Amino acid sequence: MLLRQIAHARTGDKGDISNISVIVHSMADFERVRREVTAQRVQECLRAVVRGNVERFELPQLGALNFVLYRALEGGVTRSLALDAHGKCLGSVLLSMELQD
């Protein structure tokens, strides 16, 4: 099962830092997402782009995890020539993560 089947994502940016919030569609799936979508797995999933640490913050009352990705935007919006300078596509890539059955 892909993460996108049970959750959606929102992204944001500040300088060279991107953040991705993963929000479950149903609270019944939150524990599974909490258990499987770790900072380490996110870093592995996005290793081609994220050159710094990944921090995870839990918001169980919202059924969400927020990931802060350091050194992820090639310098940031005003310094990068990357096609996705804001990192909006990173959420879509993360939602392609395969979850265990």
PDB file of N, CA and C in Angstrom:
ATOM      1  N   MET A   1       0.848  -1.177   0.000  1.00  0.00           N
ATOM      2  CA  MET A   1       0.000   0.000   0.000  1.00  0.00           C
ATOM      3  C   MET A   1       0.893   1.238   0.000  1.00  0.00           C
ATOM      4  N   LEU A   2       0.515   2.218  -0.783  1.00  0.00           N
ATOM      5  CA  LEU A   2       1.234   3.486  -0.799  1.00  0.00           C
ATOM      6  C   LEU A   2       0.661   4.426   0.254  1.00  0.00           C
ATOM      7  N   LEU A   3       1.531   5.251   0.819  1.00  0.00           N
ATOM      8  CA  LEU A   3       1.112   6.222   1.830  1.00  0.00           C
ATOM      9  C   LEU A   3      -0.029   7.099   1.306  1.00  0.00           C
ATOM     10  N   ARG A   4      -0.016   7.445   0.032  1.00  0.00           N
ATOM     11  CA  ARG A   4      -1.049   8.318  -0.541  1.00  0.00           C
ATOM     12  C   ARG A   4      -2.457   7.727  -0.465  1.00  0.00           C
ATOM     13  N   GLN A   5      -2.563   6.424  -0.256  1.00  0.00           N
ATOM     14  CA  GLN A   5      -3.870   5.784  -0.164  1.00  0.00           C
ATOM     15  C   GLN A   5      -4.572   6.084   1.161  1.00  0.00           C
ATOM     16  N   ILE A   6      -3.794   6.482   2.176  1.00  0.00           N
ATOM     17  CA  ILE A   6      -4.405   6.750   3.478  1.00  0.00           C
ATOM     18  C   ILE A   6      -4.082   8.138   4.027  1.00  0.00           C
ATOM     19  N   ALA A   7      -3.331   8.940   3.252  1.00  0.00           N
ATOM     20  CA  ALA A   7      -2.943  10.265   3.748  1.00  0.00           C
ATOM     21  C   ALA A   7      -2.732  11.236   2.591  1.00  0.00           C
ATOM     22  N   HIS A   8      -2.716  12.519   2.937  1.00  0.00           N
ATOM     23  CA  HIS A   8      -2.350  13.548   1.971  1.00  0.00           C
ATOM     24  C   HIS A   8      -1.238  14.384   2.589  1.00  0.00           C
ATOM     25  N   ALA A   9      -0.648  15.262   1.796  1.00  0.00           N
ATOM     26  CA  ALA A   9       0.493  16.040   2.280  1.00  0.00           C
ATOM     27  C   ALA A   9       0.340  17.511   1.916  1.00  0.00           C
ATOM     28  N   ARG A  10       0.942  18.350   2.754  1.00  0.00           N
ATOM     29  CA  ARG A  10       1.048  19.789   2.494  1.00  0.00           C
ATOM     30  C   ARG A  10       2.506  20.153   2.720  1.00  0.00           C
ATOM     31  N   THR A  11       3.018  21.046   1.907  1.00  0.00           N
ATOM     32  CA  THR A  11       4.421  21.427   2.036  1.00  0.00           C
ATOM     33  C   THR A  11       4.560  22.926   2.254  1.00  0.00           C
ATOM     34  N   GLY A  12       5.705  23.291   2.773  1.00  0.00           N
ATOM     35  CA  GLY A  12       6.044  24.692   2.967  1.00  0.00           C
ATOM     36  C   GLY A  12       7.547  24.855   2.892  1.00  0.00           C
ATOM     37  N   ASP A  13       8.015  26.089   2.881  1.00  0.00           N
ATOM     38  CA  ASP A  13       9.452  26.315   2.799  1.00  0.00           C
ATOM     39  C   ASP A  13       9.837  27.609   3.494  1.00  0.00           C
ATOM     40  N   LYS A  14      11.086  27.656   3.918  1.00  0.00           N
ATOM     41  CA  LYS A  14      11.693  28.858   4.487  1.00  0.00           C
ATOM     42  C   LYS A  14      13.178  28.743   4.226  1.00  0.00           C
ATOM     43  N   GLY A  15      13.672  29.533   3.301  1.00  0.00           N
ATOM     44  CA  GLY A  15      15.090  29.445   2.955  1.00  0.00           C
ATOM     45  C   GLY A  15      15.394  28.085   2.358  1.00  0.00           C
ATOM     46  N   ASP A  16      16.381  27.405   2.927  1.00  0.00           N
ATOM     47  CA  ASP A  16      16.807  26.094   2.442  1.00  0.00           C
ATOM     48  C   ASP A  16      16.147  24.959   3.228  1.00  0.00           C
ATOM     49  N   ILE A  17      15.097  25.275   3.957  1.00  0.00           N
ATOM     50  CA  ILE A  17      14.381  24.285   4.775  1.00  0.00           C
ATOM     51  C   ILE A  17      12.992  24.068   4.176  1.00  0.00           C
ATOM     52  N   SER A  18      12.655  22.807   4.007  1.00  0.00           N
ATOM     53  CA  SER A  18      11.317  22.450   3.540  1.00  0.00           C
ATOM     54  C   SER A  18      10.608  21.721   4.675  1.00  0.00           C
ATOM     55  N   ASN A  19       9.309  21.825   4.716  1.00  0.00           N
ATOM     56  CA  ASN A  19       8.573  20.995   5.659  1.00  0.00           C
ATOM     57  C   ASN A  19       7.431  20.315   4.916  1.00  0.00           C
ATOM     58  N   ILE A  20       7.161  19.095   5.346  1.00  0.00           N
ATOM     59  CA  ILE A  20       6.077  18.317   4.764  1.00  0.00           C
ATOM     60  C   ILE A  20       5.203  17.820   5.908  1.00  0.00           C
ATOM     61  N   SER A  21       3.932  18.145   5.850  1.00  0.00           N
ATOM     62  CA  SER A  21       2.969  17.596   6.796  1.00  0.00           C
ATOM     63  C   SER A  21       2.248  16.449   6.109  1.00  0.00           C
ATOM     64  N   VAL A  22       2.189  15.317   6.780  1.00  0.00           N
ATOM     65  CA  VAL A  22       1.467  14.141   6.301  1.00  0.00           C
ATOM     66  C   VAL A  22       0.243  14.005   7.190  1.00  0.00           C
ATOM     67  N   ILE A  23      -0.943  14.075   6.600  1.00  0.00           N
ATOM     68  CA  ILE A  23      -2.196  14.073   7.355  1.00  0.00           C
ATOM     69  C   ILE A  23      -3.035  12.885   6.902  1.00  0.00           C
ATOM     70  N   VAL A  24      -3.442  12.050   7.846  1.00  0.00           N
ATOM     71  CA  VAL A  24      -4.237  10.872   7.487  1.00  0.00           C
ATOM     72  C   VAL A  24      -5.649  11.290   7.106  1.00  0.00           C
ATOM     73  N   HIS A  25      -6.262  10.510   6.221  1.00  0.00           N
ATOM     74  CA  HIS A  25      -7.657  10.751   5.849  1.00  0.00           C
ATOM     75  C   HIS A  25      -8.586  10.297   6.970  1.00  0.00           C
ATOM     76  N   SER A  26      -8.185   9.244   7.671  1.00  0.00           N
ATOM     77  CA  SER A  26      -8.996   8.685   8.758  1.00  0.00           C
ATOM     78  C   SER A  26      -8.110   8.501   9.987  1.00  0.00           C
ATOM     79  N   MET A  27      -8.594   8.939  11.134  1.00  0.00           N
ATOM     80  CA  MET A  27      -7.820   8.784  12.379  1.00  0.00           C
ATOM     81  C   MET A  27      -7.487   7.320  12.657  1.00  0.00           C
ATOM     82  N   ALA A  28      -8.258   6.403  12.104  1.00  0.00           N
ATOM     83  CA  ALA A  28      -7.997   4.974  12.300  1.00  0.00           C
ATOM     84  C   ALA A  28      -6.633   4.574  11.733  1.00  0.00           C
ATOM     85  N   ASP A  29      -6.094   5.352  10.806  1.00  0.00           N
ATOM     86  CA  ASP A  29      -4.807   5.035  10.189  1.00  0.00           C
ATOM     87  C   ASP A  29      -3.623   5.763  10.820  1.00  0.00           C
ATOM     88  N   PHE A  30      -3.889   6.626  11.792  1.00  0.00           N
ATOM     89  CA  PHE A  30      -2.803   7.446  12.324  1.00  0.00           C
ATOM     90  C   PHE A  30      -1.708   6.619  12.996  1.00  0.00           C
ATOM     91  N   GLU A  31      -2.056   5.639  13.800  1.00  0.00           N
ATOM     92  CA  GLU A  31      -1.030   4.839  14.487  1.00  0.00           C
ATOM     93  C   GLU A  31      -0.121   4.132  13.491  1.00  0.00           C
ATOM     94  N   ARG A  32      -0.702   3.643  12.424  1.00  0.00           N
ATOM     95  CA  ARG A  32       0.104   2.976  11.393  1.00  0.00           C
ATOM     96  C   ARG A  32       1.087   3.962  10.768  1.00  0.00           C
ATOM     97  N   VAL A  33       0.608   5.120  10.417  1.00  0.00           N
ATOM     98  CA  VAL A  33       1.473   6.134   9.826  1.00  0.00           C
ATOM     99  C   VAL A  33       2.527   6.574  10.841  1.00  0.00           C
ATOM    100  N   ARG A  34       2.140   6.782  12.071  1.00  0.00           N
ATOM    101  CA  ARG A  34       3.085   7.168  13.123  1.00  0.00           C
ATOM    102  C   ARG A  34       4.196   6.132  13.260  1.00  0.00           C
ATOM    103  N   ARG A  35       3.837   4.872  13.195  1.00  0.00           N
ATOM    104  CA  ARG A  35       4.798   3.775  13.364  1.00  0.00           C
ATOM    105  C   ARG A  35       5.726   3.635  12.144  1.00  0.00           C
ATOM    106  N   GLU A  36       5.187   3.775  10.959  1.00  0.00           N
ATOM    107  CA  GLU A  36       5.954   3.468   9.748  1.00  0.00           C
ATOM    108  C   GLU A  36       6.664   4.646   9.090  1.00  0.00           C
ATOM    109  N   VAL A  37       6.129   5.840   9.229  1.00  0.00           N
ATOM    110  CA  VAL A  37       6.714   6.993   8.539  1.00  0.00           C
ATOM    111  C   VAL A  37       7.625   7.739   9.529  1.00  0.00           C
ATOM    112  N   THR A  38       8.817   7.207   9.661  1.00  0.00           N
ATOM    113  CA  THR A  38       9.802   7.760  10.588  1.00  0.00           C
ATOM    114  C   THR A  38      10.658   8.812   9.892  1.00  0.00           C
ATOM    115  N   ALA A  39      11.377   9.589  10.677  1.00  0.00           N
ATOM    116  CA  ALA A  39      12.295  10.576  10.101  1.00  0.00           C
ATOM    117  C   ALA A  39      13.348   9.882   9.243  1.00  0.00           C
ATOM    118  N   GLN A  40      13.815   8.731   9.678  1.00  0.00           N
ATOM    119  CA  GLN A  40      14.823   7.984   8.916  1.00  0.00           C
ATOM    120  C   GLN A  40      14.269   7.531   7.565  1.00  0.00           C
ATOM    121  N   ARG A  41      13.037   7.023   7.555  1.00  0.00           N
ATOM    122  CA  ARG A  41      12.445   6.582   6.276  1.00  0.00           C
ATOM    123  C   ARG A  41      12.198   7.752   5.339  1.00  0.00           C
ATOM    124  N   VAL A  42      11.802   8.893   5.887  1.00  0.00           N
ATOM    125  CA  VAL A  42      11.608  10.083   5.054  1.00  0.00           C
ATOM    126  C   VAL A  42      12.942  10.514   4.458  1.00  0.00           C
ATOM    127  N   GLN A  43      13.990  10.509   5.277  1.00  0.00           N
ATOM    128  CA  GLN A  43      15.311  10.887   4.778  1.00  0.00           C
ATOM    129  C   GLN A  43      15.773   9.931   3.679  1.00  0.00           C
ATOM    130  N   GLU A  44      15.518   8.648   3.849  1.00  0.00           N
ATOM    131  CA  GLU A  44      15.879   7.673   2.822  1.00  0.00           C
ATOM    132  C   GLU A  44      15.070   7.896   1.544  1.00  0.00           C
ATOM    133  N   CYS A  45      13.785   8.154   1.689  1.00  0.00           N
ATOM    134  CA  CYS A  45      12.898   8.358   0.547  1.00  0.00           C
ATOM    135  C   CYS A  45      13.309   9.578  -0.277  1.00  0.00           C
ATOM    136  N   LEU A  46      13.798  10.620   0.395  1.00  0.00           N
ATOM    137  CA  LEU A  46      14.115  11.888  -0.264  1.00  0.00           C
ATOM    138  C   LEU A  46      15.621  12.150  -0.320  1.00  0.00           C
ATOM    139  N   ARG A  47      16.428  11.108  -0.197  1.00  0.00           N
ATOM    140  CA  ARG A  47      17.881  11.264  -0.110  1.00  0.00           C
ATOM    141  C   ARG A  47      18.504  11.957  -1.315  1.00  0.00           C
ATOM    142  N   ALA A  48      17.872  11.892  -2.466  1.00  0.00           N
ATOM    143  CA  ALA A  48      18.420  12.552  -3.652  1.00  0.00           C
ATOM    144  C   ALA A  48      18.337  14.071  -3.548  1.00  0.00           C
ATOM    145  N   VAL A  49      17.480  14.574  -2.659  1.00  0.00           N
ATOM    146  CA  VAL A  49      17.251  16.014  -2.545  1.00  0.00           C
ATOM    147  C   VAL A  49      17.684  16.565  -1.190  1.00  0.00           C
ATOM    148  N   VAL A  50      17.373  15.855  -0.121  1.00  0.00           N
ATOM    149  CA  VAL A  50      17.631  16.343   1.236  1.00  0.00           C
ATOM    150  C   VAL A  50      19.068  16.030   1.628  1.00  0.00           C
ATOM    151  N   ARG A  51      19.833  17.076   1.888  1.00  0.00           N
ATOM    152  CA  ARG A  51      21.242  16.903   2.227  1.00  0.00           C
ATOM    153  C   ARG A  51      21.526  17.107   3.708  1.00  0.00           C
ATOM    154  N   GLY A  52      20.511  17.473   4.456  1.00  0.00           N
ATOM    155  CA  GLY A  52      20.664  17.691   5.894  1.00  0.00           C
ATOM    156  C   GLY A  52      19.811  16.717   6.689  1.00  0.00           C
ATOM    157  N   ASN A  53      19.599  17.038   7.941  1.00  0.00           N
ATOM    158  CA  ASN A  53      18.801  16.201   8.842  1.00  0.00           C
ATOM    159  C   ASN A  53      17.316  16.337   8.546  1.00  0.00           C
ATOM    160  N   VAL A  54      16.573  15.346   9.034  1.00  0.00           N
ATOM    161  CA  VAL A  54      15.111  15.366   8.983  1.00  0.00           C
ATOM    162  C   VAL A  54      14.614  15.234  10.415  1.00  0.00           C
ATOM    163  N   GLU A  55      13.759  16.152  10.839  1.00  0.00           N
ATOM    164  CA  GLU A  55      13.135  16.086  12.162  1.00  0.00           C
ATOM    165  C   GLU A  55      11.657  15.784  11.988  1.00  0.00           C
ATOM    166  N   ARG A  56      11.087  15.019  12.935  1.00  0.00           N
ATOM    167  CA  ARG A  56       9.664  14.698  12.881  1.00  0.00           C
ATOM    168  C   ARG A  56       8.978  15.241  14.130  1.00  0.00           C
ATOM    169  N   PHE A  57       7.829  15.852  13.912  1.00  0.00           N
ATOM    170  CA  PHE A  57       6.993  16.353  15.000  1.00  0.00           C
ATOM    171  C   PHE A  57       5.617  15.723  14.849  1.00  0.00           C
ATOM    172  N   GLU A  58       5.074  15.246  15.945  1.00  0.00           N
ATOM    173  CA  GLU A  58       3.775  14.567  15.931  1.00  0.00           C
ATOM    174  C   GLU A  58       2.666  15.513  16.372  1.00  0.00           C
ATOM    175  N   LEU A  59       1.551  15.458  15.657  1.00  0.00           N
ATOM    176  CA  LEU A  59       0.353  16.213  16.014  1.00  0.00           C
ATOM    177  C   LEU A  59      -0.813  15.229  16.045  1.00  0.00           C
ATOM    178  N   PRO A  60      -0.855  14.361  17.056  1.00  0.00           N
ATOM    179  CA  PRO A  60      -1.860  13.301  17.084  1.00  0.00           C
ATOM    180  C   PRO A  60      -3.291  13.814  17.094  1.00  0.00           C
ATOM    181  N   GLN A  61      -3.534  14.965  17.686  1.00  0.00           N
ATOM    182  CA  GLN A  61      -4.888  15.512  17.726  1.00  0.00           C
ATOM    183  C   GLN A  61      -5.388  15.884  16.333  1.00  0.00           C
ATOM    184  N   LEU A  62      -4.454  16.080  15.391  1.00  0.00           N
ATOM    185  CA  LEU A  62      -4.807  16.401  14.007  1.00  0.00           C
ATOM    186  C   LEU A  62      -4.618  15.210  13.071  1.00  0.00           C
ATOM    187  N   GLY A  63      -4.075  14.120  13.603  1.00  0.00           N
ATOM    188  CA  GLY A  63      -3.777  12.967  12.755  1.00  0.00           C
ATOM    189  C   GLY A  63      -2.671  13.292  11.769  1.00  0.00           C
ATOM    190  N   ALA A  64      -1.664  14.036  12.228  1.00  0.00           N
ATOM    191  CA  ALA A  64      -0.631  14.525  11.322  1.00  0.00           C
ATOM    192  C   ALA A  64       0.771  14.350  11.892  1.00  0.00           C
ATOM    193  N   LEU A  65       1.707  14.216  10.987  1.00  0.00           N
ATOM    194  CA  LEU A  65       3.135  14.258  11.290  1.00  0.00           C
ATOM    195  C   LEU A  65       3.716  15.396  10.468  1.00  0.00           C
ATOM    196  N   ASN A  66       4.595  16.183  11.063  1.00  0.00           N
ATOM    197  CA  ASN A  66       5.248  17.268  10.340  1.00  0.00           C
ATOM    198  C   ASN A  66       6.742  16.976  10.283  1.00  0.00           C
ATOM    199  N   PHE A  67       7.290  16.980   9.089  1.00  0.00           N
ATOM    200  CA  PHE A  67       8.708  16.711   8.887  1.00  0.00           C
ATOM    201  C   PHE A  67       9.399  17.987   8.445  1.00  0.00           C
ATOM    202  N   VAL A  68      10.509  18.302   9.110  1.00  0.00           N
ATOM    203  CA  VAL A  68      11.319  19.457   8.752  1.00  0.00           C
ATOM    204  C   VAL A  68      12.577  18.917   8.088  1.00  0.00           C
ATOM    205  N   LEU A  69      12.806  19.340   6.854  1.00  0.00           N
ATOM    206  CA  LEU A  69      13.899  18.835   6.026  1.00  0.00           C
ATOM    207  C   LEU A  69      14.931  19.937   5.844  1.00  0.00           C
ATOM    208  N   TYR A  70      16.105  19.753   6.411  1.00  0.00           N
ATOM    209  CA  TYR A  70      17.160  20.755   6.335  1.00  0.00           C
ATOM    210  C   TYR A  70      18.025  20.537   5.093  1.00  0.00           C
ATOM    211  N   ARG A  71      18.488  21.643   4.526  1.00  0.00           N
ATOM    212  CA  ARG A  71      19.315  21.621   3.304  1.00  0.00           C
ATOM    213  C   ARG A  71      18.610  20.831   2.208  1.00  0.00           C
ATOM    214  N   ALA A  72      17.375  21.217   1.940  1.00  0.00           N
ATOM    215  CA  ALA A  72      16.539  20.462   0.997  1.00  0.00           C
ATOM    216  C   ALA A  72      16.188  21.223  -0.277  1.00  0.00           C
ATOM    217  N   LEU A  73      16.491  22.514  -0.337  1.00  0.00           N
ATOM    218  CA  LEU A  73      15.992  23.316  -1.462  1.00  0.00           C
ATOM    219  C   LEU A  73      17.102  24.015  -2.239  1.00  0.00           C
ATOM    220  N   GLU A  74      18.284  23.437  -2.240  1.00  0.00           N
ATOM    221  CA  GLU A  74      19.413  23.977  -3.003  1.00  0.00           C
ATOM    222  C   GLU A  74      19.624  25.470  -2.754  1.00  0.00           C
ATOM    223  N   GLY A  75      19.497  25.882  -1.509  1.00  0.00           N
ATOM    224  CA  GLY A  75      19.721  27.282  -1.152  1.00  0.00           C
ATOM    225  C   GLY A  75      18.456  28.082  -0.927  1.00  0.00           C
ATOM    226  N   GLY A  76      17.324  27.597  -1.399  1.00  0.00           N
ATOM    227  CA  GLY A  76      16.062  28.299  -1.190  1.00  0.00           C
ATOM    228  C   GLY A  76      15.566  28.994  -2.439  1.00  0.00           C
ATOM    229  N   VAL A  77      14.375  29.528  -2.344  1.00  0.00           N
ATOM    230  CA  VAL A  77      13.656  30.087  -3.489  1.00  0.00           C
ATOM    231  C   VAL A  77      14.451  31.170  -4.206  1.00  0.00           C
ATOM    232  N   THR A  78      15.040  32.074  -3.489  1.00  0.00           N
ATOM    233  CA  THR A  78      15.732  33.196  -4.131  1.00  0.00           C
ATOM    234  C   THR A  78      17.152  32.856  -4.561  1.00  0.00           C
ATOM    235  N   ARG A  79      17.628  31.653  -4.216  1.00  0.00           N
ATOM    236  CA  ARG A  79      19.007  31.294  -4.522  1.00  0.00           C
ATOM    237  C   ARG A  79      19.139  30.088  -5.449  1.00  0.00           C
ATOM    238  N   SER A  80      18.047  29.455  -5.774  1.00  0.00           N
ATOM    239  CA  SER A  80      18.103  28.219  -6.531  1.00  0.00           C
ATOM    240  C   SER A  80      17.491  28.379  -7.917  1.00  0.00           C
ATOM    241  N   LEU A  81      18.072  27.675  -8.876  1.00  0.00           N
ATOM    242  CA  LEU A  81      17.500  27.624 -10.217  1.00  0.00           C
ATOM    243  C   LEU A  81      16.703  26.344 -10.417  1.00  0.00           C
ATOM    244  N   ALA A  82      16.495  25.591  -9.345  1.00  0.00           N
ATOM    245  CA  ALA A  82      15.747  24.337  -9.430  1.00  0.00           C
ATOM    246  C   ALA A  82      14.327  24.604  -9.913  1.00  0.00           C
ATOM    247  N   LEU A  83      13.777  23.676 -10.665  1.00  0.00           N
ATOM    248  CA  LEU A  83      12.414  23.835 -11.164  1.00  0.00           C
ATOM    249  C   LEU A  83      11.390  23.853 -10.040  1.00  0.00           C
ATOM    250  N   ASP A  84      11.689  23.181  -8.939  1.00  0.00           N
ATOM    251  CA  ASP A  84      10.769  23.123  -7.800  1.00  0.00           C
ATOM    252  C   ASP A  84      11.410  23.816  -6.597  1.00  0.00           C
ATOM    253  N   ALA A  85      11.700  25.095  -6.741  1.00  0.00           N
ATOM    254  CA  ALA A  85      12.428  25.832  -5.704  1.00  0.00           C
ATOM    255  C   ALA A  85      11.708  25.844  -4.360  1.00  0.00           C
ATOM    256  N   HIS A  86      10.384  25.769  -4.360  1.00  0.00           N
ATOM    257  CA  HIS A  86       9.618  25.753  -3.116  1.00  0.00           C
ATOM    258  C   HIS A  86       9.530  24.360  -2.510  1.00  0.00           C
ATOM    259  N   GLY A  87       9.863  23.327  -3.246  1.00  0.00           N
ATOM    260  CA  GLY A  87       9.804  21.955  -2.743  1.00  0.00           C
ATOM    261  C   GLY A  87       8.408  21.366  -2.721  1.00  0.00           C
ATOM    262  N   LYS A  88       7.498  21.902  -3.516  1.00  0.00           N
ATOM    263  CA  LYS A  88       6.109  21.421  -3.501  1.00  0.00           C
ATOM    264  C   LYS A  88       5.992  19.969  -3.961  1.00  0.00           C
ATOM    265  N   CYS A  89       6.863  19.521  -4.835  1.00  0.00           N
ATOM    266  CA  CYS A  89       6.803  18.140  -5.332  1.00  0.00           C
ATOM    267  C   CYS A  89       7.278  17.118  -4.305  1.00  0.00           C
ATOM    268  N   LEU A  90       8.002  17.574  -3.276  1.00  0.00           N
ATOM    269  CA  LEU A  90       8.517  16.637  -2.272  1.00  0.00           C
ATOM    270  C   LEU A  90       7.390  15.888  -1.567  1.00  0.00           C
ATOM    271  N   GLY A  91       6.272  16.546  -1.338  1.00  0.00           N
ATOM    272  CA  GLY A  91       5.122  15.889  -0.706  1.00  0.00           C
ATOM    273  C   GLY A  91       4.602  14.747  -1.551  1.00  0.00           C
ATOM    274  N   SER A  92       4.541  14.953  -2.847  1.00  0.00           N
ATOM    275  CA  SER A  92       4.075  13.907  -3.752  1.00  0.00           C
ATOM    276  C   SER A  92       5.029  12.723  -3.766  1.00  0.00           C
ATOM    277  N   VAL A  93       6.320  13.008  -3.763  1.00  0.00           N
ATOM    278  CA  VAL A  93       7.312  11.928  -3.716  1.00  0.00           C
ATOM    279  C   VAL A  93       7.161  11.138  -2.424  1.00  0.00           C
ATOM    280  N   LEU A  94       7.012  11.835  -1.310  1.00  0.00           N
ATOM    281  CA  LEU A  94       6.869  11.149  -0.026  1.00  0.00           C
ATOM    282  C   LEU A  94       5.625  10.271   0.009  1.00  0.00           C
ATOM    283  N   LEU A  95       4.536  10.736  -0.591  1.00  0.00           N
ATOM    284  CA  LEU A  95       3.304   9.942  -0.593  1.00  0.00           C
ATOM    285  C   LEU A  95       3.429   8.665  -1.422  1.00  0.00           C
ATOM    286  N   SER A  96       4.499   8.548  -2.172  1.00  0.00           N
ATOM    287  CA  SER A  96       4.770   7.316  -2.928  1.00  0.00           C
ATOM    288  C   SER A  96       5.466   6.253  -2.077  1.00  0.00           C
ATOM    289  N   MET A  97       5.718   6.572  -0.816  1.00  0.00           N
ATOM    290  CA  MET A  97       6.375   5.614   0.090  1.00  0.00           C
ATOM    291  C   MET A  97       5.499   4.379   0.248  1.00  0.00           C
ATOM    292  N   GLU A  98       6.124   3.234   0.145  1.00  0.00           N
ATOM    293  CA  GLU A  98       5.432   1.958   0.316  1.00  0.00           C
ATOM    294  C   GLU A  98       5.316   1.639   1.813  1.00  0.00           C
ATOM    295  N   LEU A  99       4.092   1.337   2.251  1.00  0.00           N
ATOM    296  CA  LEU A  99       3.869   0.936   3.634  1.00  0.00           C
ATOM    297  C   LEU A  99       3.811  -0.582   3.714  1.00  0.00           C
ATOM    298  N   GLN A 100       4.105  -1.111   4.884  1.00  0.00           N
ATOM    299  CA  GLN A 100       4.037  -2.559   5.091  1.00  0.00           C
ATOM    300  C   GLN A 100       2.579  -2.986   5.113  1.00  0.00           C
ATOM    301  N   ASP A 101       2.332  -4.239   4.773  1.00  0.00           N
ATOM    302  CA  ASP A 101       0.950  -4.761   4.804  1.00  0.00           C
ATOM    303  C   ASP A 101       0.508  -5.111   6.198  1.00  0.00           C
TER     304      ASP A 101
END
